[in-house]
Amino acid sequence: MWFIVALFLVLTITFLSGKGGFLIAGYNTSSKEEKAKYDEKKLCRVMGIGMGIITIVLAIPAILKDNTPNFYIELMIAVIMITIIGLLVLTNTICKSSIPEAIHERIEDEVR
């Protein structure tokens, strides 16, 4: 269990530092014009906060071991699902780039 918590902690730190854009599924395989629609730094920070929440949720049973309450598994699943839904909403709203449309058109022309 500690290995998973450590892995998630490393991912959290990577995303919060703004260096984990290549780890985000969908973003790493999108075209340049599609990537231009998102602010990569905001995207990494949002993912880092989400990963941090999931890391904390996973660390609690690792710390408590046998003293973990019986209801915690259901609570853990609910918190993780709510976090994932929140990440989906936030990445598609506040992570959109604020670059003016003229610059988007210029980027699209360069790609062609």
PDB file of N, CA and C in Angstrom:
ATOM      1  N   MET A   1       0.822  -1.195   0.000  1.00  0.00           N
ATOM      2  CA  MET A   1       0.000   0.000   0.000  1.00  0.00           C
ATOM      3  C   MET A   1       0.867   1.260   0.000  1.00  0.00           C
ATOM      4  N   TRP A   2       1.973   1.203   0.726  1.00  0.00           N
ATOM      5  CA  TRP A   2       2.837   2.380   0.790  1.00  0.00           C
ATOM      6  C   TRP A   2       3.460   2.691  -0.567  1.00  0.00           C
ATOM      7  N   PHE A   3       3.690   1.650  -1.375  1.00  0.00           N
ATOM      8  CA  PHE A   3       4.240   1.871  -2.711  1.00  0.00           C
ATOM      9  C   PHE A   3       3.276   2.711  -3.551  1.00  0.00           C
ATOM     10  N   ILE A   4       1.993   2.403  -3.481  1.00  0.00           N
ATOM     11  CA  ILE A   4       0.981   3.141  -4.239  1.00  0.00           C
ATOM     12  C   ILE A   4       0.898   4.584  -3.741  1.00  0.00           C
ATOM     13  N   VAL A   5       0.923   4.763  -2.429  1.00  0.00           N
ATOM     14  CA  VAL A   5       0.878   6.116  -1.854  1.00  0.00           C
ATOM     15  C   VAL A   5       2.105   6.911  -2.303  1.00  0.00           C
ATOM     16  N   ALA A   6       3.285   6.274  -2.286  1.00  0.00           N
ATOM     17  CA  ALA A   6       4.510   6.956  -2.713  1.00  0.00           C
ATOM     18  C   ALA A   6       4.449   7.325  -4.194  1.00  0.00           C
ATOM     19  N   LEU A   7       3.934   6.421  -5.017  1.00  0.00           N
ATOM     20  CA  LEU A   7       3.792   6.692  -6.448  1.00  0.00           C
ATOM     21  C   LEU A   7       2.850   7.871  -6.693  1.00  0.00           C
ATOM     22  N   PHE A   8       1.714   7.878  -6.000  1.00  0.00           N
ATOM     23  CA  PHE A   8       0.759   8.980  -6.148  1.00  0.00           C
ATOM     24  C   PHE A   8       1.349  10.285  -5.623  1.00  0.00           C
ATOM     25  N   LEU A   9       2.156  10.224  -4.571  1.00  0.00           N
ATOM     26  CA  LEU A   9       2.798  11.424  -4.043  1.00  0.00           C
ATOM     27  C   LEU A   9       3.784  12.005  -5.056  1.00  0.00           C
ATOM     28  N   VAL A  10       4.547  11.142  -5.710  1.00  0.00           N
ATOM     29  CA  VAL A  10       5.480  11.600  -6.744  1.00  0.00           C
ATOM     30  C   VAL A  10       4.714  12.239  -7.902  1.00  0.00           C
ATOM     31  N   LEU A  11       3.607  11.618  -8.308  1.00  0.00           N
ATOM     32  CA  LEU A  11       2.780  12.190  -9.377  1.00  0.00           C
ATOM     33  C   LEU A  11       2.193  13.537  -8.962  1.00  0.00           C
ATOM     34  N   THR A  12       1.757  13.636  -7.707  1.00  0.00           N
ATOM     35  CA  THR A  12       1.212  14.899  -7.200  1.00  0.00           C
ATOM     36  C   THR A  12       2.252  16.006  -7.284  1.00  0.00           C
ATOM     37  N   ILE A  13       3.457  15.728  -6.828  1.00  0.00           N
ATOM     38  CA  ILE A  13       4.530  16.723  -6.853  1.00  0.00           C
ATOM     39  C   ILE A  13       4.887  17.096  -8.287  1.00  0.00           C
ATOM     40  N   THR A  14       4.926  16.096  -9.166  1.00  0.00           N
ATOM     41  CA  THR A  14       5.235  16.354 -10.575  1.00  0.00           C
ATOM     42  C   THR A  14       4.196  17.269 -11.205  1.00  0.00           C
ATOM     43  N   PHE A  15       2.924  16.977 -10.967  1.00  0.00           N
ATOM     44  CA  PHE A  15       1.861  17.809 -11.540  1.00  0.00           C
ATOM     45  C   PHE A  15       1.859  19.208 -10.932  1.00  0.00           C
ATOM     46  N   LEU A  16       2.017  19.312  -9.621  1.00  0.00           N
ATOM     47  CA  LEU A  16       1.987  20.628  -8.978  1.00  0.00           C
ATOM     48  C   LEU A  16       3.150  21.512  -9.413  1.00  0.00           C
ATOM     49  N   SER A  17       4.258  20.894  -9.807  1.00  0.00           N
ATOM     50  CA  SER A  17       5.393  21.678 -10.294  1.00  0.00           C
ATOM     51  C   SER A  17       5.199  22.128 -11.739  1.00  0.00           C
ATOM     52  N   GLY A  18       4.143  21.629 -12.392  1.00  0.00           N
ATOM     53  CA  GLY A  18       3.843  22.036 -13.762  1.00  0.00           C
ATOM     54  C   GLY A  18       4.599  21.265 -14.822  1.00  0.00           C
ATOM     55  N   LYS A  19       5.234  20.168 -14.434  1.00  0.00           N
ATOM     56  CA  LYS A  19       6.074  19.416 -15.369  1.00  0.00           C
ATOM     57  C   LYS A  19       5.447  18.111 -15.852  1.00  0.00           C
ATOM     58  N   GLY A  20       4.194  17.850 -15.514  1.00  0.00           N
ATOM     59  CA  GLY A  20       3.615  16.543 -15.818  1.00  0.00           C
ATOM     60  C   GLY A  20       2.635  16.515 -16.966  1.00  0.00           C
ATOM     61  N   GLY A  21       2.692  17.477 -17.862  1.00  0.00           N
ATOM     62  CA  GLY A  21       1.753  17.517 -18.974  1.00  0.00           C
ATOM     63  C   GLY A  21       1.801  16.274 -19.839  1.00  0.00           C
ATOM     64  N   PHE A  22       2.988  15.682 -19.954  1.00  0.00           N
ATOM     65  CA  PHE A  22       3.135  14.488 -20.783  1.00  0.00           C
ATOM     66  C   PHE A  22       2.493  13.256 -20.150  1.00  0.00           C
ATOM     67  N   LEU A  23       2.109  13.341 -18.886  1.00  0.00           N
ATOM     68  CA  LEU A  23       1.484  12.213 -18.193  1.00  0.00           C
ATOM     69  C   LEU A  23      -0.043  12.247 -18.243  1.00  0.00           C
ATOM     70  N   ILE A  24      -0.614  13.318 -18.746  1.00  0.00           N
ATOM     71  CA  ILE A  24      -2.070  13.460 -18.763  1.00  0.00           C
ATOM     72  C   ILE A  24      -2.622  12.773 -20.007  1.00  0.00           C
ATOM     73  N   ALA A  25      -3.426  11.746 -19.778  1.00  0.00           N
ATOM     74  CA  ALA A  25      -3.997  10.977 -20.888  1.00  0.00           C
ATOM     75  C   ALA A  25      -4.872  11.870 -21.752  1.00  0.00           C
ATOM     76  N   GLY A  26      -4.708  11.765 -23.046  1.00  0.00           N
ATOM     77  CA  GLY A  26      -5.481  12.581 -23.973  1.00  0.00           C
ATOM     78  C   GLY A  26      -4.755  13.860 -24.336  1.00  0.00           C
ATOM     79  N   TYR A  27      -4.183  14.518 -23.348  1.00  0.00           N
ATOM     80  CA  TYR A  27      -3.461  15.762 -23.620  1.00  0.00           C
ATOM     81  C   TYR A  27      -2.133  15.456 -24.300  1.00  0.00           C
ATOM     82  N   ASN A  28      -1.474  14.394 -23.859  1.00  0.00           N
ATOM     83  CA  ASN A  28      -0.157  14.075 -24.405  1.00  0.00           C
ATOM     84  C   ASN A  28      -0.215  13.588 -25.851  1.00  0.00           C
ATOM     85  N   THR A  29      -1.364  13.105 -26.307  1.00  0.00           N
ATOM     86  CA  THR A  29      -1.483  12.604 -27.676  1.00  0.00           C
ATOM     87  C   THR A  29      -2.226  13.564 -28.599  1.00  0.00           C
ATOM     88  N   SER A  30      -2.670  14.692 -28.076  1.00  0.00           N
ATOM     89  CA  SER A  30      -3.437  15.627 -28.903  1.00  0.00           C
ATOM     90  C   SER A  30      -2.507  16.442 -29.806  1.00  0.00           C
ATOM     91  N   SER A  31      -3.091  17.015 -30.837  1.00  0.00           N
ATOM     92  CA  SER A  31      -2.320  17.806 -31.798  1.00  0.00           C
ATOM     93  C   SER A  31      -1.921  19.150 -31.178  1.00  0.00           C
ATOM     94  N   LYS A  32      -1.033  19.857 -31.874  1.00  0.00           N
ATOM     95  CA  LYS A  32      -0.586  21.163 -31.377  1.00  0.00           C
ATOM     96  C   LYS A  32      -1.747  22.143 -31.273  1.00  0.00           C
ATOM     97  N   GLU A  33      -2.645  22.106 -32.250  1.00  0.00           N
ATOM     98  CA  GLU A  33      -3.776  23.044 -32.205  1.00  0.00           C
ATOM     99  C   GLU A  33      -4.732  22.696 -31.074  1.00  0.00           C
ATOM    100  N   GLU A  34      -4.861  21.422 -30.761  1.00  0.00           N
ATOM    101  CA  GLU A  34      -5.716  21.014 -29.639  1.00  0.00           C
ATOM    102  C   GLU A  34      -5.052  21.383 -28.308  1.00  0.00           C
ATOM    103  N   LYS A  35      -3.725  21.207 -28.218  1.00  0.00           N
ATOM    104  CA  LYS A  35      -3.003  21.583 -27.002  1.00  0.00           C
ATOM    105  C   LYS A  35      -3.050  23.087 -26.765  1.00  0.00           C
ATOM    106  N   ALA A  36      -3.124  23.863 -27.849  1.00  0.00           N
ATOM    107  CA  ALA A  36      -3.157  25.322 -27.722  1.00  0.00           C
ATOM    108  C   ALA A  36      -4.437  25.809 -27.056  1.00  0.00           C
ATOM    109  N   LYS A  37      -5.451  24.976 -27.017  1.00  0.00           N
ATOM    110  CA  LYS A  37      -6.721  25.362 -26.395  1.00  0.00           C
ATOM    111  C   LYS A  37      -6.668  25.290 -24.870  1.00  0.00           C
ATOM    112  N   TYR A  38      -5.618  24.680 -24.318  1.00  0.00           N
ATOM    113  CA  TYR A  38      -5.510  24.493 -22.871  1.00  0.00           C
ATOM    114  C   TYR A  38      -4.271  25.182 -22.324  1.00  0.00           C
ATOM    115  N   ASP A  39      -4.374  25.673 -21.120  1.00  0.00           N
ATOM    116  CA  ASP A  39      -3.239  26.235 -20.399  1.00  0.00           C
ATOM    117  C   ASP A  39      -2.586  25.074 -19.647  1.00  0.00           C
ATOM    118  N   GLU A  40      -1.418  24.664 -20.117  1.00  0.00           N
ATOM    119  CA  GLU A  40      -0.783  23.461 -19.566  1.00  0.00           C
ATOM    120  C   GLU A  40      -0.454  23.609 -18.083  1.00  0.00           C
ATOM    121  N   LYS A  41      -0.044  24.790 -17.665  1.00  0.00           N
ATOM    122  CA  LYS A  41       0.294  24.995 -16.255  1.00  0.00           C
ATOM    123  C   LYS A  41      -0.942  24.838 -15.361  1.00  0.00           C
ATOM    124  N   LYS A  42      -2.075  25.419 -15.789  1.00  0.00           N
ATOM    125  CA  LYS A  42      -3.319  25.258 -15.027  1.00  0.00           C
ATOM    126  C   LYS A  42      -3.763  23.803 -15.028  1.00  0.00           C
ATOM    127  N   LEU A  43      -3.630  23.155 -16.176  1.00  0.00           N
ATOM    128  CA  LEU A  43      -4.023  21.757 -16.302  1.00  0.00           C
ATOM    129  C   LEU A  43      -3.212  20.885 -15.345  1.00  0.00           C
ATOM    130  N   CYS A  44      -1.908  21.126 -15.282  1.00  0.00           N
ATOM    131  CA  CYS A  44      -1.052  20.357 -14.372  1.00  0.00           C
ATOM    132  C   CYS A  44      -1.402  20.642 -12.912  1.00  0.00           C
ATOM    133  N   ARG A  45      -1.682  21.890 -12.580  1.00  0.00           N
ATOM    134  CA  ARG A  45      -2.027  22.220 -11.195  1.00  0.00           C
ATOM    135  C   ARG A  45      -3.337  21.572 -10.773  1.00  0.00           C
ATOM    136  N   VAL A  46      -4.340  21.603 -11.655  1.00  0.00           N
ATOM    137  CA  VAL A  46      -5.622  20.972 -11.339  1.00  0.00           C
ATOM    138  C   VAL A  46      -5.426  19.469 -11.146  1.00  0.00           C
ATOM    139  N   MET A  47      -4.662  18.851 -12.028  1.00  0.00           N
ATOM    140  CA  MET A  47      -4.397  17.414 -11.897  1.00  0.00           C
ATOM    141  C   MET A  47      -3.605  17.130 -10.613  1.00  0.00           C
ATOM    142  N   GLY A  48      -2.673  18.016 -10.269  1.00  0.00           N
ATOM    143  CA  GLY A  48      -1.895  17.843  -9.047  1.00  0.00           C
ATOM    144  C   GLY A  48      -2.751  17.917  -7.797  1.00  0.00           C
ATOM    145  N   ILE A  49      -3.697  18.841  -7.771  1.00  0.00           N
ATOM    146  CA  ILE A  49      -4.603  18.951  -6.619  1.00  0.00           C
ATOM    147  C   ILE A  49      -5.471  17.705  -6.519  1.00  0.00           C
ATOM    148  N   GLY A  50      -5.986  17.246  -7.660  1.00  0.00           N
ATOM    149  CA  GLY A  50      -6.793  16.021  -7.662  1.00  0.00           C
ATOM    150  C   GLY A  50      -5.993  14.814  -7.206  1.00  0.00           C
ATOM    151  N   MET A  51      -4.771  14.696  -7.705  1.00  0.00           N
ATOM    152  CA  MET A  51      -3.913  13.580  -7.283  1.00  0.00           C
ATOM    153  C   MET A  51      -3.572  13.697  -5.799  1.00  0.00           C
ATOM    154  N   GLY A  52      -3.415  14.917  -5.299  1.00  0.00           N
ATOM    155  CA  GLY A  52      -3.140  15.112  -3.878  1.00  0.00           C
ATOM    156  C   GLY A  52      -4.285  14.632  -3.007  1.00  0.00           C
ATOM    157  N   ILE A  53      -5.514  14.935  -3.425  1.00  0.00           N
ATOM    158  CA  ILE A  53      -6.689  14.465  -2.677  1.00  0.00           C
ATOM    159  C   ILE A  53      -6.730  12.944  -2.665  1.00  0.00           C
ATOM    160  N   ILE A  54      -6.510  12.339  -3.826  1.00  0.00           N
ATOM    161  CA  ILE A  54      -6.532  10.873  -3.907  1.00  0.00           C
ATOM    162  C   ILE A  54      -5.389  10.274  -3.093  1.00  0.00           C
ATOM    163  N   THR A  55      -4.226  10.921  -3.086  1.00  0.00           N
ATOM    164  CA  THR A  55      -3.094  10.436  -2.295  1.00  0.00           C
ATOM    165  C   THR A  55      -3.430  10.428  -0.806  1.00  0.00           C
ATOM    166  N   ILE A  56      -4.046  11.500  -0.330  1.00  0.00           N
ATOM    167  CA  ILE A  56      -4.429  11.572   1.085  1.00  0.00           C
ATOM    168  C   ILE A  56      -5.446  10.493   1.427  1.00  0.00           C
ATOM    169  N   VAL A  57      -6.431  10.314   0.532  1.00  0.00           N
ATOM    170  CA  VAL A  57      -7.469   9.301   0.766  1.00  0.00           C
ATOM    171  C   VAL A  57      -6.856   7.901   0.824  1.00  0.00           C
ATOM    172  N   LEU A  58      -5.846   7.636  -0.003  1.00  0.00           N
ATOM    173  CA  LEU A  58      -5.195   6.327   0.006  1.00  0.00           C
ATOM    174  C   LEU A  58      -4.220   6.168   1.172  1.00  0.00           C
ATOM    175  N   ALA A  59      -3.660   7.275   1.659  1.00  0.00           N
ATOM    176  CA  ALA A  59      -2.685   7.198   2.748  1.00  0.00           C
ATOM    177  C   ALA A  59      -3.337   6.907   4.095  1.00  0.00           C
ATOM    178  N   ILE A  60      -4.578   7.331   4.277  1.00  0.00           N
ATOM    179  CA  ILE A  60      -5.241   7.151   5.576  1.00  0.00           C
ATOM    180  C   ILE A  60      -5.335   5.683   5.983  1.00  0.00           C
ATOM    181  N   PRO A  61      -5.825   4.763   5.127  1.00  0.00           N
ATOM    182  CA  PRO A  61      -5.854   3.360   5.569  1.00  0.00           C
ATOM    183  C   PRO A  61      -4.457   2.758   5.719  1.00  0.00           C
ATOM    184  N   ALA A  62      -3.475   3.286   4.985  1.00  0.00           N
ATOM    185  CA  ALA A  62      -2.110   2.793   5.145  1.00  0.00           C
ATOM    186  C   ALA A  62      -1.556   3.182   6.513  1.00  0.00           C
ATOM    187  N   ILE A  63      -1.951   4.353   6.995  1.00  0.00           N
ATOM    188  CA  ILE A  63      -1.498   4.817   8.310  1.00  0.00           C
ATOM    189  C   ILE A  63      -2.245   4.096   9.430  1.00  0.00           C
ATOM    190  N   LEU A  64      -3.556   3.985   9.292  1.00  0.00           N
ATOM    191  CA  LEU A  64      -4.382   3.394  10.354  1.00  0.00           C
ATOM    192  C   LEU A  64      -4.312   1.871  10.411  1.00  0.00           C
ATOM    193  N   LYS A  65      -3.963   1.236   9.320  1.00  0.00           N
ATOM    194  CA  LYS A  65      -3.875  -0.224   9.198  1.00  0.00           C
ATOM    195  C   LYS A  65      -5.133  -0.909   9.705  1.00  0.00           C
ATOM    196  N   ASP A  66      -5.053  -1.635  10.800  1.00  0.00           N
ATOM    197  CA  ASP A  66      -6.190  -2.409  11.310  1.00  0.00           C
ATOM    198  C   ASP A  66      -7.238  -1.543  12.007  1.00  0.00           C
ATOM    199  N   ASN A  67      -6.923  -0.309  12.298  1.00  0.00           N
ATOM    200  CA  ASN A  67      -7.865   0.575  12.981  1.00  0.00           C
ATOM    201  C   ASN A  67      -8.747   1.370  12.021  1.00  0.00           C
ATOM    202  N   THR A  68      -8.687   1.052  10.741  1.00  0.00           N
ATOM    203  CA  THR A  68      -9.500   1.758   9.752  1.00  0.00           C
ATOM    204  C   THR A  68     -10.969   1.428   9.973  1.00  0.00           C
ATOM    205  N   PRO A  69     -11.834   2.438  10.045  1.00  0.00           N
ATOM    206  CA  PRO A  69     -13.269   2.173  10.241  1.00  0.00           C
ATOM    207  C   PRO A  69     -13.851   1.355   9.083  1.00  0.00           C
ATOM    208  N   ASN A  70     -14.889   0.592   9.373  1.00  0.00           N
ATOM    209  CA  ASN A  70     -15.507  -0.273   8.368  1.00  0.00           C
ATOM    210  C   ASN A  70     -16.103   0.507   7.203  1.00  0.00           C
ATOM    211  N   PHE A  71     -16.618   1.685   7.464  1.00  0.00           N
ATOM    212  CA  PHE A  71     -17.262   2.479   6.419  1.00  0.00           C
ATOM    213  C   PHE A  71     -16.264   3.200   5.524  1.00  0.00           C
ATOM    214  N   TYR A  72     -14.981   3.132   5.836  1.00  0.00           N
ATOM    215  CA  TYR A  72     -14.000   3.946   5.125  1.00  0.00           C
ATOM    216  C   TYR A  72     -13.873   3.561   3.648  1.00  0.00           C
ATOM    217  N   ILE A  73     -14.034   2.303   3.323  1.00  0.00           N
ATOM    218  CA  ILE A  73     -13.907   1.888   1.918  1.00  0.00           C
ATOM    219  C   ILE A  73     -14.976   2.569   1.070  1.00  0.00           C
ATOM    220  N   GLU A  74     -16.219   2.585   1.558  1.00  0.00           N
ATOM    221  CA  GLU A  74     -17.286   3.260   0.818  1.00  0.00           C
ATOM    222  C   GLU A  74     -17.009   4.757   0.711  1.00  0.00           C
ATOM    223  N   LEU A  75     -16.540   5.348   1.803  1.00  0.00           N
ATOM    224  CA  LEU A  75     -16.201   6.768   1.802  1.00  0.00           C
ATOM    225  C   LEU A  75     -15.058   7.049   0.824  1.00  0.00           C
ATOM    226  N   MET A  76     -14.060   6.182   0.822  1.00  0.00           N
ATOM    227  CA  MET A  76     -12.912   6.337  -0.061  1.00  0.00           C
ATOM    228  C   MET A  76     -13.345   6.283  -1.530  1.00  0.00           C
ATOM    229  N   ILE A  77     -14.185   5.327  -1.876  1.00  0.00           N
ATOM    230  CA  ILE A  77     -14.675   5.213  -3.252  1.00  0.00           C
ATOM    231  C   ILE A  77     -15.467   6.463  -3.639  1.00  0.00           C
ATOM    232  N   ALA A  78     -16.316   6.936  -2.734  1.00  0.00           N
ATOM    233  CA  ALA A  78     -17.122   8.131  -3.016  1.00  0.00           C
ATOM    234  C   ALA A  78     -16.236   9.358  -3.228  1.00  0.00           C
ATOM    235  N   VAL A  79     -15.246   9.547  -2.371  1.00  0.00           N
ATOM    236  CA  VAL A  79     -14.360  10.715  -2.490  1.00  0.00           C
ATOM    237  C   VAL A  79     -13.562  10.647  -3.790  1.00  0.00           C
ATOM    238  N   ILE A  80     -13.066   9.473  -4.143  1.00  0.00           N
ATOM    239  CA  ILE A  80     -12.299   9.331  -5.382  1.00  0.00           C
ATOM    240  C   ILE A  80     -13.183   9.607  -6.599  1.00  0.00           C
ATOM    241  N   MET A  81     -14.410   9.097  -6.593  1.00  0.00           N
ATOM    242  CA  MET A  81     -15.324   9.334  -7.720  1.00  0.00           C
ATOM    243  C   MET A  81     -15.673  10.822  -7.841  1.00  0.00           C
ATOM    244  N   ILE A  82     -15.949  11.473  -6.717  1.00  0.00           N
ATOM    245  CA  ILE A  82     -16.259  12.908  -6.736  1.00  0.00           C
ATOM    246  C   ILE A  82     -15.050  13.702  -7.230  1.00  0.00           C
ATOM    247  N   THR A  83     -13.853  13.295  -6.814  1.00  0.00           N
ATOM    248  CA  THR A  83     -12.634  13.962  -7.265  1.00  0.00           C
ATOM    249  C   THR A  83     -12.458  13.814  -8.771  1.00  0.00           C
ATOM    250  N   ILE A  84     -12.697  12.623  -9.294  1.00  0.00           N
ATOM    251  CA  ILE A  84     -12.564  12.391 -10.735  1.00  0.00           C
ATOM    252  C   ILE A  84     -13.575  13.233 -11.514  1.00  0.00           C
ATOM    253  N   ILE A  85     -14.809  13.277 -11.042  1.00  0.00           N
ATOM    254  CA  ILE A  85     -15.826  14.104 -11.708  1.00  0.00           C
ATOM    255  C   ILE A  85     -15.424  15.579 -11.651  1.00  0.00           C
ATOM    256  N   GLY A  86     -14.926  16.009 -10.496  1.00  0.00           N
ATOM    257  CA  GLY A  86     -14.452  17.389 -10.368  1.00  0.00           C
ATOM    258  C   GLY A  86     -13.300  17.689 -11.312  1.00  0.00           C
ATOM    259  N   LEU A  87     -12.380  16.739 -11.462  1.00  0.00           N
ATOM    260  CA  LEU A  87     -11.264  16.924 -12.389  1.00  0.00           C
ATOM    261  C   LEU A  87     -11.751  17.059 -13.827  1.00  0.00           C
ATOM    262  N   LEU A  88     -12.713  16.235 -14.200  1.00  0.00           N
ATOM    263  CA  LEU A  88     -13.265  16.317 -15.561  1.00  0.00           C
ATOM    264  C   LEU A  88     -13.888  17.685 -15.823  1.00  0.00           C
ATOM    265  N   VAL A  89     -14.635  18.179 -14.852  1.00  0.00           N
ATOM    266  CA  VAL A  89     -15.283  19.485 -15.017  1.00  0.00           C
ATOM    267  C   VAL A  89     -14.240  20.602 -15.051  1.00  0.00           C
ATOM    268  N   LEU A  90     -13.316  20.588 -14.110  1.00  0.00           N
ATOM    269  CA  LEU A  90     -12.331  21.667 -14.018  1.00  0.00           C
ATOM    270  C   LEU A  90     -11.378  21.698 -15.205  1.00  0.00           C
ATOM    271  N   THR A  91     -10.956  20.521 -15.679  1.00  0.00           N
ATOM    272  CA  THR A  91     -10.033  20.515 -16.816  1.00  0.00           C
ATOM    273  C   THR A  91     -10.693  21.021 -18.090  1.00  0.00           C
ATOM    274  N   ASN A  92     -11.999  20.904 -18.169  1.00  0.00           N
ATOM    275  CA  ASN A  92     -12.703  21.378 -19.363  1.00  0.00           C
ATOM    276  C   ASN A  92     -13.289  22.777 -19.205  1.00  0.00           C
ATOM    277  N   THR A  93     -13.074  23.414 -18.050  1.00  0.00           N
ATOM    278  CA  THR A  93     -13.576  24.776 -17.859  1.00  0.00           C
ATOM    279  C   THR A  93     -12.429  25.737 -17.552  1.00  0.00           C
ATOM    280  N   ILE A  94     -11.868  25.674 -16.361  1.00  0.00           N
ATOM    281  CA  ILE A  94     -10.861  26.673 -15.981  1.00  0.00           C
ATOM    282  C   ILE A  94      -9.502  26.447 -16.636  1.00  0.00           C
ATOM    283  N   CYS A  95      -9.274  25.271 -17.186  1.00  0.00           N
ATOM    284  CA  CYS A  95      -7.979  24.997 -17.815  1.00  0.00           C
ATOM    285  C   CYS A  95      -7.938  25.393 -19.281  1.00  0.00           C
ATOM    286  N   LYS A  96      -9.041  25.886 -19.798  1.00  0.00           N
ATOM    287  CA  LYS A  96      -9.052  26.364 -21.183  1.00  0.00           C
ATOM    288  C   LYS A  96      -8.156  27.594 -21.273  1.00  0.00           C
ATOM    289  N   SER A  97      -7.422  27.692 -22.345  1.00  0.00           N
ATOM    290  CA  SER A  97      -6.480  28.781 -22.539  1.00  0.00           C
ATOM    291  C   SER A  97      -7.205  30.103 -22.737  1.00  0.00           C
ATOM    292  N   SER A  98      -6.611  31.161 -22.239  1.00  0.00           N
ATOM    293  CA  SER A  98      -7.198  32.491 -22.401  1.00  0.00           C
ATOM    294  C   SER A  98      -6.540  33.250 -23.550  1.00  0.00           C
ATOM    295  N   ILE A  99      -5.882  32.514 -24.450  1.00  0.00           N
ATOM    296  CA  ILE A  99      -5.238  33.135 -25.605  1.00  0.00           C
ATOM    297  C   ILE A  99      -6.322  33.639 -26.555  1.00  0.00           C
ATOM    298  N   PRO A 100      -6.184  34.861 -27.054  1.00  0.00           N
ATOM    299  CA  PRO A 100      -7.191  35.387 -27.984  1.00  0.00           C
ATOM    300  C   PRO A 100      -7.341  34.513 -29.232  1.00  0.00           C
ATOM    301  N   GLU A 101      -8.506  34.603 -29.859  1.00  0.00           N
ATOM    302  CA  GLU A 101      -8.835  33.769 -31.024  1.00  0.00           C
ATOM    303  C   GLU A 101      -7.874  34.005 -32.185  1.00  0.00           C
ATOM    304  N   ALA A 102      -7.360  35.218 -32.343  1.00  0.00           N
ATOM    305  CA  ALA A 102      -6.438  35.516 -33.444  1.00  0.00           C
ATOM    306  C   ALA A 102      -5.171  34.676 -33.336  1.00  0.00           C
ATOM    307  N   ILE A 103      -4.706  34.477 -32.117  1.00  0.00           N
ATOM    308  CA  ILE A 103      -3.510  33.661 -31.920  1.00  0.00           C
ATOM    309  C   ILE A 103      -3.822  32.204 -32.226  1.00  0.00           C
ATOM    310  N   HIS A 104      -5.020  31.742 -31.856  1.00  0.00           N
ATOM    311  CA  HIS A 104      -5.427  30.376 -32.200  1.00  0.00           C
ATOM    312  C   HIS A 104      -5.401  30.178 -33.714  1.00  0.00           C
ATOM    313  N   GLU A 105      -5.914  31.161 -34.449  1.00  0.00           N
ATOM    314  CA  GLU A 105      -5.928  31.060 -35.907  1.00  0.00           C
ATOM    315  C   GLU A 105      -4.519  31.025 -36.466  1.00  0.00           C
ATOM    316  N   ARG A 106      -3.612  31.826 -35.898  1.00  0.00           N
ATOM    317  CA  ARG A 106      -2.229  31.832 -36.358  1.00  0.00           C
ATOM    318  C   ARG A 106      -1.569  30.488 -36.089  1.00  0.00           C
ATOM    319  N   ILE A 107      -1.843  29.895 -34.930  1.00  0.00           N
ATOM    320  CA  ILE A 107      -1.287  28.583 -34.605  1.00  0.00           C
ATOM    321  C   ILE A 107      -1.816  27.537 -35.579  1.00  0.00           C
ATOM    322  N   GLU A 108      -3.105  27.608 -35.888  1.00  0.00           N
ATOM    323  CA  GLU A 108      -3.695  26.668 -36.837  1.00  0.00           C
ATOM    324  C   GLU A 108      -3.062  26.819 -38.218  1.00  0.00           C
ATOM    325  N   ASP A 109      -2.763  28.060 -38.634  1.00  0.00           N
ATOM    326  CA  ASP A 109      -2.119  28.283 -39.927  1.00  0.00           C
ATOM    327  C   ASP A 109      -0.708  27.706 -39.945  1.00  0.00           C
ATOM    328  N   GLU A 110       0.016  27.816 -38.830  1.00  0.00           N
ATOM    329  CA  GLU A 110       1.367  27.267 -38.751  1.00  0.00           C
ATOM    330  C   GLU A 110       1.351  25.747 -38.817  1.00  0.00           C
ATOM    331  N   VAL A 111       0.326  25.136 -38.245  1.00  0.00           N
ATOM    332  CA  VAL A 111       0.226  23.679 -38.245  1.00  0.00           C
ATOM    333  C   VAL A 111      -0.026  23.160 -39.658  1.00  0.00           C
ATOM    334  N   ARG A 112      -0.811  23.903 -40.442  1.00  0.00           N
ATOM    335  CA  ARG A 112      -1.134  23.474 -41.821  1.00  0.00           C
ATOM    336  C   ARG A 112       0.013  23.657 -42.704  1.00  0.00           C
TER     337      ARG A 112
END
